[in-house]
C-alpha atoms as a PDB file:
ATOM      1  CA  MET A   1       0.039   0.022  -0.044  1.00  0.00           C
ATOM      2  CA  THR A   2       1.428   3.364  -0.915  1.00  0.00           C
ATOM      3  CA  PRO A   3       0.903   6.596   1.143  1.00  0.00           C
ATOM      4  CA  MET A   4      -1.754   7.621  -1.324  1.00  0.00           C
ATOM      5  CA  GLU A   5      -3.780   4.685  -0.691  1.00  0.00           C
ATOM      6  CA  ASP A   6      -6.064   3.518   2.352  1.00  0.00           C
ATOM      7  CA  ALA A   7      -8.045   0.627   2.685  1.00  0.00           C
ATOM      8  CA  ARG A   8      -9.997   1.913   5.963  1.00  0.00           C
ATOM      9  CA  PRO A   9     -13.685   2.243   5.646  1.00  0.00           C
ATOM     10  CA  ILE A  10     -15.643   5.414   4.922  1.00  0.00           C
ATOM     11  CA  GLY A  11     -18.321   6.109   7.517  1.00  0.00           C
ATOM     12  CA  ILE A  12     -21.874   7.349   6.651  1.00  0.00           C
ATOM     13  CA  PHE A  13     -24.529   8.248   9.172  1.00  0.00           C
ATOM     14  CA  ASP A  14     -28.216   9.057   9.167  1.00  0.00           C
ATOM     15  CA  SER A  15     -30.945   9.456  11.932  1.00  0.00           C
ATOM     16  CA  GLY A  16     -32.481   6.178  10.561  1.00  0.00           C
ATOM     17  CA  VAL A  17     -32.621   4.376   7.270  1.00  0.00           C
ATOM     18  CA  GLY A  18     -33.083   7.177   4.839  1.00  0.00           C
ATOM     19  CA  GLY A  19     -29.144   7.524   4.343  1.00  0.00           C
ATOM     20  CA  LEU A  20     -29.166   4.112   2.772  1.00  0.00           C
ATOM     21  CA  THR A  21     -30.044   5.847  -0.413  1.00  0.00           C
ATOM     22  CA  VAL A  22     -26.739   7.627  -0.234  1.00  0.00           C
ATOM     23  CA  LEU A  23     -24.989   4.314   0.549  1.00  0.00           C
ATOM     24  CA  ASP A  24     -26.524   2.704  -2.440  1.00  0.00           C
ATOM     25  CA  ALA A  25     -25.038   5.363  -4.657  1.00  0.00           C
ATOM     26  CA  LEU A  26     -21.710   5.449  -3.284  1.00  0.00           C
ATOM     27  CA  THR A  27     -21.339   1.536  -3.264  1.00  0.00           C
ATOM     28  CA  LYS A  28     -22.181   1.628  -7.015  1.00  0.00           C
ATOM     29  CA  ARG A  29     -19.924   4.305  -7.721  1.00  0.00           C
ATOM     30  CA  PHE A  30     -16.744   3.225  -5.743  1.00  0.00           C
ATOM     31  CA  PRO A  31     -16.652  -0.636  -6.045  1.00  0.00           C
ATOM     32  CA  ASP A  32     -13.211  -0.740  -4.031  1.00  0.00           C
ATOM     33  CA  GLU A  33     -14.289   1.253  -1.036  1.00  0.00           C
ATOM     34  CA  SER A  34     -15.537  -0.105   2.255  1.00  0.00           C
ATOM     35  CA  PHE A  35     -18.233   1.580   4.144  1.00  0.00           C
ATOM     36  CA  ILE A  36     -19.679   1.506   7.743  1.00  0.00           C
ATOM     37  CA  TYR A  37     -23.307   2.785   8.062  1.00  0.00           C
ATOM     38  CA  LEU A  38     -24.653   3.959  11.232  1.00  0.00           C
ATOM     39  CA  GLY A  39     -28.369   4.634  11.726  1.00  0.00           C
ATOM     40  CA  ASP A  40     -29.460   6.407  14.884  1.00  0.00           C
ATOM     41  CA  THR A  41     -32.762   4.423  14.949  1.00  0.00           C
ATOM     42  CA  ALA A  42     -33.173   4.932  18.637  1.00  0.00           C
ATOM     43  CA  ARG A  43     -33.555   8.627  18.192  1.00  0.00           C
ATOM     44  CA  VAL A  44     -35.082   8.942  14.775  1.00  0.00           C
ATOM     45  CA  PRO A  45     -36.386  11.441  13.533  1.00  0.00           C
ATOM     46  CA  TYR A  46     -33.774  14.265  13.891  1.00  0.00           C
ATOM     47  CA  GLY A  47     -36.016  16.571  11.969  1.00  0.00           C
ATOM     48  CA  THR A  48     -38.232  17.450  14.975  1.00  0.00           C
ATOM     49  CA  LYS A  49     -35.231  18.153  17.342  1.00  0.00           C
ATOM     50  CA  SER A  50     -33.678  21.345  18.421  1.00  0.00           C
ATOM     51  CA  ALA A  51     -30.489  22.472  16.677  1.00  0.00           C
ATOM     52  CA  ARG A  52     -28.439  22.053  19.919  1.00  0.00           C
ATOM     53  CA  THR A  53     -29.784  18.453  20.213  1.00  0.00           C
ATOM     54  CA  VAL A  54     -28.996  17.483  16.676  1.00  0.00           C
ATOM     55  CA  GLU A  55     -25.529  18.919  16.859  1.00  0.00           C
ATOM     56  CA  ARG A  56     -24.989  16.809  19.970  1.00  0.00           C
ATOM     57  CA  TYR A  57     -26.319  13.614  18.436  1.00  0.00           C
ATOM     58  CA  ALA A  58     -24.236  14.192  15.382  1.00  0.00           C
ATOM     59  CA  ILE A  59     -20.915  14.446  17.328  1.00  0.00           C
ATOM     60  CA  GLN A  60     -21.894  11.351  19.445  1.00  0.00           C
ATOM     61  CA  VAL A  61     -22.436   9.304  16.233  1.00  0.00           C
ATOM     62  CA  ALA A  62     -19.355  10.583  14.554  1.00  0.00           C
ATOM     63  CA  ASP A  63     -17.231   9.724  17.570  1.00  0.00           C
ATOM     64  CA  CYS A  64     -18.597   6.156  17.301  1.00  0.00           C
ATOM     65  CA  LEU A  65     -17.670   5.806  13.673  1.00  0.00           C
ATOM     66  CA  LEU A  66     -14.166   7.316  14.460  1.00  0.00           C
ATOM     67  CA  ARG A  67     -13.600   4.790  16.965  1.00  0.00           C
ATOM     68  CA  ARG A  68     -14.171   2.247  14.189  1.00  0.00           C
ATOM     69  CA  GLY A  69     -11.255   3.769  12.256  1.00  0.00           C
ATOM     70  CA  VAL A  70     -13.161   5.483   9.314  1.00  0.00           C
ATOM     71  CA  LYS A  71     -10.911   7.741   6.970  1.00  0.00           C
ATOM     72  CA  GLY A  72     -13.824  10.083   6.109  1.00  0.00           C
ATOM     73  CA  LEU A  73     -17.228  10.824   7.106  1.00  0.00           C
ATOM     74  CA  VAL A  74     -20.360  11.410   4.988  1.00  0.00           C
ATOM     75  CA  VAL A  75     -23.329  12.968   6.807  1.00  0.00           C
ATOM     76  CA  ALA A  76     -26.231  11.281   4.879  1.00  0.00           C
ATOM     77  CA  CYS A  77     -28.932  13.291   6.795  1.00  0.00           C
ATOM     78  CA  ASN A  78     -30.121  16.650   5.821  1.00  0.00           C
ATOM     79  CA  THR A  79     -31.184  17.737   9.339  1.00  0.00           C
ATOM     80  CA  ALA A  80     -27.564  16.857  10.716  1.00  0.00           C
ATOM     81  CA  SER A  81     -25.984  18.491   7.675  1.00  0.00           C
ATOM     82  CA  ALA A  82     -27.909  21.665   8.084  1.00  0.00           C
ATOM     83  CA  LEU A  83     -27.423  21.939  11.864  1.00  0.00           C
ATOM     84  CA  GLY A  84     -24.236  20.142  12.694  1.00  0.00           C
ATOM     85  CA  LEU A  85     -21.938  20.081   9.662  1.00  0.00           C
ATOM     86  CA  ALA A  86     -19.952  23.075  10.883  1.00  0.00           C
ATOM     87  CA  ALA A  87     -19.385  21.561  14.337  1.00  0.00           C
ATOM     88  CA  LEU A  88     -18.589  18.230  12.942  1.00  0.00           C
ATOM     89  CA  ARG A  89     -15.840  19.630  10.621  1.00  0.00           C
ATOM     90  CA  VAL A  90     -14.323  21.266  13.629  1.00  0.00           C
ATOM     91  CA  HIS A  91     -14.541  18.245  15.795  1.00  0.00           C
ATOM     92  CA  CYS A  92     -13.461  15.370  13.497  1.00  0.00           C
ATOM     93  CA  PRO A  93      -9.752  14.791  12.386  1.00  0.00           C
ATOM     94  CA  VAL A  94     -11.049  13.351   8.977  1.00  0.00           C
ATOM     95  CA  PRO A  95     -12.830  15.045   6.264  1.00  0.00           C
ATOM     96  CA  VAL A  96     -16.623  15.494   6.518  1.00  0.00           C
ATOM     97  CA  LEU A  97     -19.071  15.912   3.664  1.00  0.00           C
ATOM     98  CA  GLY A  98     -22.637  16.786   3.739  1.00  0.00           C
ATOM     99  CA  VAL A  99     -25.572  16.399   1.568  1.00  0.00           C
ATOM    100  CA  ILE A 100     -26.871  19.927   1.341  1.00  0.00           C
ATOM    101  CA  GLU A 101     -24.029  21.584  -0.827  1.00  0.00           C
ATOM    102  CA  PRO A 102     -23.993  18.964  -3.567  1.00  0.00           C
ATOM    103  CA  GLY A 103     -27.811  18.941  -3.807  1.00  0.00           C
ATOM    104  CA  CYS A 104     -27.895  22.756  -4.140  1.00  0.00           C
ATOM    105  CA  ARG A 105     -25.330  22.769  -7.035  1.00  0.00           C
ATOM    106  CA  VAL A 106     -27.327  20.201  -8.926  1.00  0.00           C
ATOM    107  CA  ALA A 107     -30.662  22.364  -8.368  1.00  0.00           C
ATOM    108  CA  ALA A 108     -29.013  25.558  -9.324  1.00  0.00           C
ATOM    109  CA  GLY A 109     -27.723  24.083 -12.690  1.00  0.00           C
ATOM    110  CA  LEU A 110     -31.348  22.687 -13.387  1.00  0.00           C
ATOM    111  CA  SER A 111     -33.018  25.879 -12.543  1.00  0.00           C
ATOM    112  CA  THR A 112     -31.097  27.742 -15.382  1.00  0.00           C
ATOM    113  CA  LEU A 113     -32.058  25.164 -18.193  1.00  0.00           C
ATOM    114  CA  ARG A 114     -34.931  27.304 -19.245  1.00  0.00           C
ATOM    115  CA  GLY A 115     -32.913  30.613 -19.404  1.00  0.00           C
ATOM    116  CA  ALA A 116     -32.500  33.061 -16.494  1.00  0.00           C
ATOM    117  CA  PRO A 117     -32.212  31.406 -12.935  1.00  0.00           C
ATOM    118  CA  GLY A 118     -35.670  30.451 -11.963  1.00  0.00           C
ATOM    119  CA  ARG A 119     -37.446  28.806  -9.028  1.00  0.00           C
ATOM    120  CA  VAL A 120     -36.308  25.835  -6.852  1.00  0.00           C
ATOM    121  CA  GLY A 121     -38.403  24.147  -4.141  1.00  0.00           C
ATOM    122  CA  VAL A 122     -37.027  22.467  -1.106  1.00  0.00           C
ATOM    123  CA  ILE A 123     -38.986  19.889   0.697  1.00  0.00           C
ATOM    124  CA  ALA A 124     -37.520  18.772   4.129  1.00  0.00           C
ATOM    125  CA  THR A 125     -38.013  17.996   7.697  1.00  0.00           C
ATOM    126  CA  ARG A 126     -39.171  21.138   9.935  1.00  0.00           C
ATOM    127  CA  SER A 127     -35.596  21.465  11.477  1.00  0.00           C
ATOM    128  CA  THR A 128     -33.846  21.615   8.011  1.00  0.00           C
ATOM    129  CA  VAL A 129     -36.488  24.146   6.605  1.00  0.00           C
ATOM    130  CA  ALA A 130     -36.021  26.189   9.840  1.00  0.00           C
ATOM    131  CA  SER A 131     -32.259  26.159   9.543  1.00  0.00           C
ATOM    132  CA  GLY A 132     -32.506  28.079   6.143  1.00  0.00           C
ATOM    133  CA  ALA A 133     -29.574  25.970   4.995  1.00  0.00           C
ATOM    134  CA  TYR A 134     -30.874  25.329   1.478  1.00  0.00           C
ATOM    135  CA  PRO A 135     -31.784  28.810   0.638  1.00  0.00           C
ATOM    136  CA  HIS A 136     -28.436  30.075   2.035  1.00  0.00           C
ATOM    137  CA  HIS A 137     -26.463  27.807  -0.177  1.00  0.00           C
ATOM    138  CA  LEU A 138     -28.513  28.287  -3.220  1.00  0.00           C
ATOM    139  CA  ALA A 139     -28.153  32.173  -2.790  1.00  0.00           C
ATOM    140  CA  MET A 140     -24.341  31.599  -2.633  1.00  0.00           C
ATOM    141  CA  LEU A 141     -24.480  29.838  -5.891  1.00  0.00           C
ATOM    142  CA  ASP A 142     -26.899  32.448  -7.606  1.00  0.00           C
ATOM    143  CA  PRO A 143     -28.803  35.032  -5.576  1.00  0.00           C
ATOM    144  CA  ARG A 144     -31.059  35.382  -8.367  1.00  0.00           C
ATOM    145  CA  ILE A 145     -32.707  31.939  -7.636  1.00  0.00           C
ATOM    146  CA  HIS A 146     -36.026  32.160  -5.961  1.00  0.00           C
ATOM    147  CA  VAL A 147     -36.486  29.486  -3.225  1.00  0.00           C
ATOM    148  CA  VAL A 148     -39.696  28.117  -1.909  1.00  0.00           C
ATOM    149  CA  SER A 149     -39.295  25.779   1.215  1.00  0.00           C
ATOM    150  CA  LEU A 150     -41.833  23.371   2.606  1.00  0.00           C
ATOM    151  CA  ALA A 151     -41.838  21.284   5.568  1.00  0.00           C
ATOM    152  CA  CYS A 152     -43.075  17.603   5.000  1.00  0.00           C
ATOM    153  CA  PRO A 153     -43.277  16.140   8.461  1.00  0.00           C
ATOM    154  CA  LEU A 154     -45.230  12.929   7.675  1.00  0.00           C
ATOM    155  CA  PHE A 155     -42.946  11.673   4.886  1.00  0.00           C
ATOM    156  CA  VAL A 156     -40.329  10.308   7.233  1.00  0.00           C
ATOM    157  CA  PRO A 157     -42.759   8.155   9.215  1.00  0.00           C
ATOM    158  CA  LEU A 158     -44.557   6.853   6.100  1.00  0.00           C
ATOM    159  CA  VAL A 159     -41.008   5.548   4.780  1.00  0.00           C
ATOM    160  CA  GLU A 160     -40.134   4.136   8.284  1.00  0.00           C
ATOM    161  CA  GLU A 161     -43.295   2.294   8.484  1.00  0.00           C
ATOM    162  CA  GLY A 162     -43.047   0.971   5.019  1.00  0.00           C
ATOM    163  CA  TRP A 163     -46.156   2.669   3.846  1.00  0.00           C
ATOM    164  CA  VAL A 164     -44.573   3.419   0.345  1.00  0.00           C
ATOM    165  CA  GLU A 165     -47.203   1.588  -1.667  1.00  0.00           C
ATOM    166  CA  HIS A 166     -50.152   2.145   0.690  1.00  0.00           C
ATOM    167  CA  PRO A 167     -53.078   3.912  -1.015  1.00  0.00           C
ATOM    168  CA  ALA A 168     -53.207   6.656   1.481  1.00  0.00           C
ATOM    169  CA  VAL A 169     -49.702   7.765   0.515  1.00  0.00           C
ATOM    170  CA  ARG A 170     -50.823   9.439  -2.568  1.00  0.00           C
ATOM    171  CA  LEU A 171     -53.540  11.462  -0.859  1.00  0.00           C
ATOM    172  CA  ILE A 172     -50.877  12.542   1.916  1.00  0.00           C
ATOM    173  CA  VAL A 173     -48.360  13.549  -0.566  1.00  0.00           C
ATOM    174  CA  GLU A 174     -50.839  15.405  -2.653  1.00  0.00           C
ATOM    175  CA  GLU A 175     -52.190  17.303   0.367  1.00  0.00           C
ATOM    176  CA  THR A 176     -48.771  18.072   1.831  1.00  0.00           C
ATOM    177  CA  LEU A 177     -47.410  19.375  -1.461  1.00  0.00           C
ATOM    178  CA  ALA A 178     -50.594  21.334  -2.427  1.00  0.00           C
ATOM    179  CA  PRO A 179     -48.893  24.883  -1.423  1.00  0.00           C
ATOM    180  CA  LEU A 180     -46.333  24.136  -4.085  1.00  0.00           C
ATOM    181  CA  PHE A 181     -48.693  23.682  -7.015  1.00  0.00           C
ATOM    182  CA  SER A 182     -48.903  27.255  -7.964  1.00  0.00           C
ATOM    183  CA  GLN A 183     -45.265  28.150  -7.511  1.00  0.00           C
ATOM    184  CA  HIS A 184     -44.213  27.316 -11.055  1.00  0.00           C
ATOM    185  CA  LEU A 185     -41.113  25.547  -9.970  1.00  0.00           C
ATOM    186  CA  ASP A 186     -38.302  24.566 -12.181  1.00  0.00           C
ATOM    187  CA  ALA A 187     -36.671  22.118  -9.798  1.00  0.00           C
ATOM    188  CA  MET A 188     -37.465  20.629  -6.293  1.00  0.00           C
ATOM    189  CA  ILE A 189     -34.732  19.154  -3.855  1.00  0.00           C
ATOM    190  CA  LEU A 190     -35.854  16.297  -1.932  1.00  0.00           C
ATOM    191  CA  GLY A 191     -34.184  17.720   1.135  1.00  0.00           C
ATOM    192  CA  CYS A 192     -34.388  14.472   3.269  1.00  0.00           C
ATOM    193  CA  THR A 193     -32.649  11.210   2.511  1.00  0.00           C
ATOM    194  CA  HIS A 194     -35.932   9.423   3.227  1.00  0.00           C
ATOM    195  CA  TYR A 195     -37.851  11.199   0.446  1.00  0.00           C
ATOM    196  CA  PRO A 196     -36.364   9.409  -2.677  1.00  0.00           C
ATOM    197  CA  VAL A 197     -38.297   6.384  -1.621  1.00  0.00           C
ATOM    198  CA  LEU A 198     -41.267   8.372  -2.385  1.00  0.00           C
ATOM    199  CA  LYS A 199     -39.811   9.987  -5.425  1.00  0.00           C
ATOM    200  CA  SER A 200     -42.285   8.352  -7.898  1.00  0.00           C
ATOM    201  CA  VAL A 201     -45.425   9.505  -6.146  1.00  0.00           C
ATOM    202  CA  ILE A 202     -43.771  12.930  -5.698  1.00  0.00           C
ATOM    203  CA  ALA A 203     -42.969  13.262  -9.334  1.00  0.00           C
ATOM    204  CA  ARG A 204     -46.507  12.314 -10.332  1.00  0.00           C
ATOM    205  CA  THR A 205     -47.877  14.754  -7.825  1.00  0.00           C
ATOM    206  CA  MET A 206     -45.672  17.647  -9.052  1.00  0.00           C
ATOM    207  CA  GLY A 207     -45.807  16.807 -12.717  1.00  0.00           C
ATOM    208  CA  PRO A 208     -43.192  16.298 -15.321  1.00  0.00           C
ATOM    209  CA  GLU A 209     -42.323  20.132 -15.689  1.00  0.00           C
ATOM    210  CA  VAL A 210     -40.714  20.021 -12.121  1.00  0.00           C
ATOM    211  CA  MET A 211     -37.283  18.237 -12.192  1.00  0.00           C
ATOM    212  CA  LEU A 212     -36.537  16.443  -8.835  1.00  0.00           C
ATOM    213  CA  VAL A 213     -33.122  16.552  -7.206  1.00  0.00           C
ATOM    214  CA  ASP A 214     -32.043  13.456  -5.233  1.00  0.00           C
ATOM    215  CA  SER A 215     -28.775  14.404  -3.401  1.00  0.00           C
ATOM    216  CA  SER A 216     -27.405  10.789  -3.362  1.00  0.00           C
ATOM    217  CA  ALA A 217     -25.950  11.023  -6.862  1.00  0.00           C
ATOM    218  CA  ALA A 218     -24.501  14.426  -6.153  1.00  0.00           C
ATOM    219  CA  VAL A 219     -22.913  13.477  -2.911  1.00  0.00           C
ATOM    220  CA  ALA A 220     -21.287  10.533  -4.888  1.00  0.00           C
ATOM    221  CA  GLU A 221     -19.771  13.153  -7.354  1.00  0.00           C
ATOM    222  CA  ASP A 222     -18.402  15.163  -4.334  1.00  0.00           C
ATOM    223  CA  LEU A 223     -16.822  11.993  -2.917  1.00  0.00           C
ATOM    224  CA  GLY A 224     -15.158  11.304  -6.108  1.00  0.00           C
ATOM    225  CA  ARG A 225     -13.570  14.757  -6.089  1.00  0.00           C
ATOM    226  CA  TYR A 226     -12.437  14.033  -2.588  1.00  0.00           C
ATOM    227  CA  LEU A 227     -10.938  10.568  -3.080  1.00  0.00           C
ATOM    228  CA  GLY A 228      -7.226  10.879  -4.321  1.00  0.00           C
ATOM    229  CA  HIS A 229      -7.004  14.523  -3.000  1.00  0.00           C
ATOM    230  CA  VAL A 230      -8.354  14.923   0.415  1.00  0.00           C
ATOM    231  CA  ILE A 231      -9.250  11.336   1.117  1.00  0.00           C
ATOM    232  CA  ALA A 232      -6.908   8.537   0.159  1.00  0.00           C
ATOM    233  CA  PRO A 233      -8.677   5.943  -2.136  1.00  0.00           C
ATOM    234  CA  ALA A 234      -8.634   2.220  -1.406  1.00  0.00           C
ATOM    235  CA  PRO A 235      -5.981   0.153  -3.358  1.00  0.00           C
ATOM    236  CA  PRO A 236      -7.651  -1.111  -6.533  1.00  0.00           C
ATOM    237  CA  GLY A 237      -9.067  -4.689  -6.218  1.00  0.00           C
ATOM    238  CA  THR A 238      -9.522  -4.107  -2.372  1.00  0.00           C
ATOM    239  CA  THR A 239     -12.118  -6.596  -1.117  1.00  0.00           C
ATOM    240  CA  ARG A 240     -15.123  -4.367   0.021  1.00  0.00           C
ATOM    241  CA  ARG A 241     -16.516  -4.705   3.620  1.00  0.00           C
ATOM    242  CA  LEU A 242     -19.872  -3.324   4.477  1.00  0.00           C
ATOM    243  CA  GLU A 243     -20.906  -2.944   8.112  1.00  0.00           C
ATOM    244  CA  PHE A 244     -24.259  -1.706   9.635  1.00  0.00           C
ATOM    245  CA  LEU A 245     -24.547  -0.179  13.008  1.00  0.00           C
ATOM    246  CA  VAL A 246     -27.952   0.810  14.663  1.00  0.00           C
ATOM    247  CA  THR A 247     -28.752   2.155  17.995  1.00  0.00           C
ATOM    248  CA  ASP A 248     -32.065   0.179  18.429  1.00  0.00           C
ATOM    249  CA  VAL A 249     -33.805  -2.687  17.120  1.00  0.00           C
ATOM    250  CA  ALA A 250     -31.531  -4.374  14.324  1.00  0.00           C
ATOM    251  CA  ASP A 251     -34.457  -6.624  13.095  1.00  0.00           C
ATOM    252  CA  ARG A 252     -36.510  -3.767  12.129  1.00  0.00           C
ATOM    253  CA  PHE A 253     -33.548  -1.960  10.521  1.00  0.00           C
ATOM    254  CA  LYS A 254     -32.974  -4.925   8.316  1.00  0.00           C
ATOM    255  CA  GLU A 255     -36.677  -5.251   7.237  1.00  0.00           C
ATOM    256  CA  THR A 256     -36.787  -1.557   6.280  1.00  0.00           C
ATOM    257  CA  ALA A 257     -33.345  -1.664   4.487  1.00  0.00           C
ATOM    258  CA  GLN A 258     -34.904  -4.149   1.936  1.00  0.00           C
ATOM    259  CA  ARG A 259     -36.681  -1.085   0.632  1.00  0.00           C
ATOM    260  CA  PHE A 260     -33.461   0.633   0.117  1.00  0.00           C
ATOM    261  CA  ILE A 261     -30.671  -1.821  -0.696  1.00  0.00           C
ATOM    262  CA  GLY A 262     -32.119  -5.239  -0.705  1.00  0.00           C
ATOM    263  CA  ASN A 263     -31.387  -7.886   1.941  1.00  0.00           C
ATOM    264  CA  VAL A 264     -28.873  -7.252   4.657  1.00  0.00           C
ATOM    265  CA  ASP A 265     -27.180 -10.282   6.272  1.00  0.00           C
ATOM    266  CA  ASP A 266     -27.757 -10.687   9.981  1.00  0.00           C
ATOM    267  CA  GLU A 267     -23.879 -10.791  10.690  1.00  0.00           C
ATOM    268  CA  LEU A 268     -23.463  -7.266   9.119  1.00  0.00           C
ATOM    269  CA  VAL A 269     -25.746  -5.526  11.492  1.00  0.00           C
ATOM    270  CA  GLU A 270     -24.597  -4.553  15.031  1.00  0.00           C
ATOM    271  CA  MET A 271     -26.484  -2.816  17.843  1.00  0.00           C
ATOM    272  CA  VAL A 272     -24.362  -0.152  19.595  1.00  0.00           C
ATOM    273  CA  ASP A 273     -24.564   2.432  22.262  1.00  0.00           C
ATOM    274  CA  LEU A 274     -23.324   5.978  21.709  1.00  0.00           C
END
């Protein structure tokens, strides 16, 4: 192994299972890299918590992953990215990536496809919306972009409970997103990693003229820029290791994870205390 190579895993964390959408994108993009995913399932959702609490939770989760020897950290949680990323970057001795900045770059680009910068919608948890993180980052990219934010508090429990195909989901999504129908959006950011599981019903509700932004692919692009520069990549041909840590009820995590990444072997899931 050369100094420019590092077989240690990359840590990924979310308040629950939503961040598995990010893990799925990363494993497909980087076949040689190993990953440790931590879902703080005992304290989900973060989106209803105060900024101080989310920051404290994020540091506790990061410390757990750092003890496992990760070489970098991906915060696959929009709420933790909005409220805890700055503190994590000060606290952690390894590079830390969030999901908000990559998603904003994609949305800003999409909003200009029809000419002048247009209108971008952001749907997220209450805490993420209240943080103003998405409008802030979009304004830094182009202050002319008009941003419309909407909290969607029912979407996370729908996904966590597996109600993705339930007939009531369409009605709940339509009722929740109704304030956005008259906003003439060019693009809409799915500002929570749970929301891509509902992407098809959200797309049908908003119509084909609104382009949806799933931050998972954008995060993979960011990690690609980090590897080899800020984070040393794994040696080519490294045998990948995947590990899953949860803070409560491993069996339920495995059941829910099937909707995101398929079956997860029992021996790969470990329950931990933070």
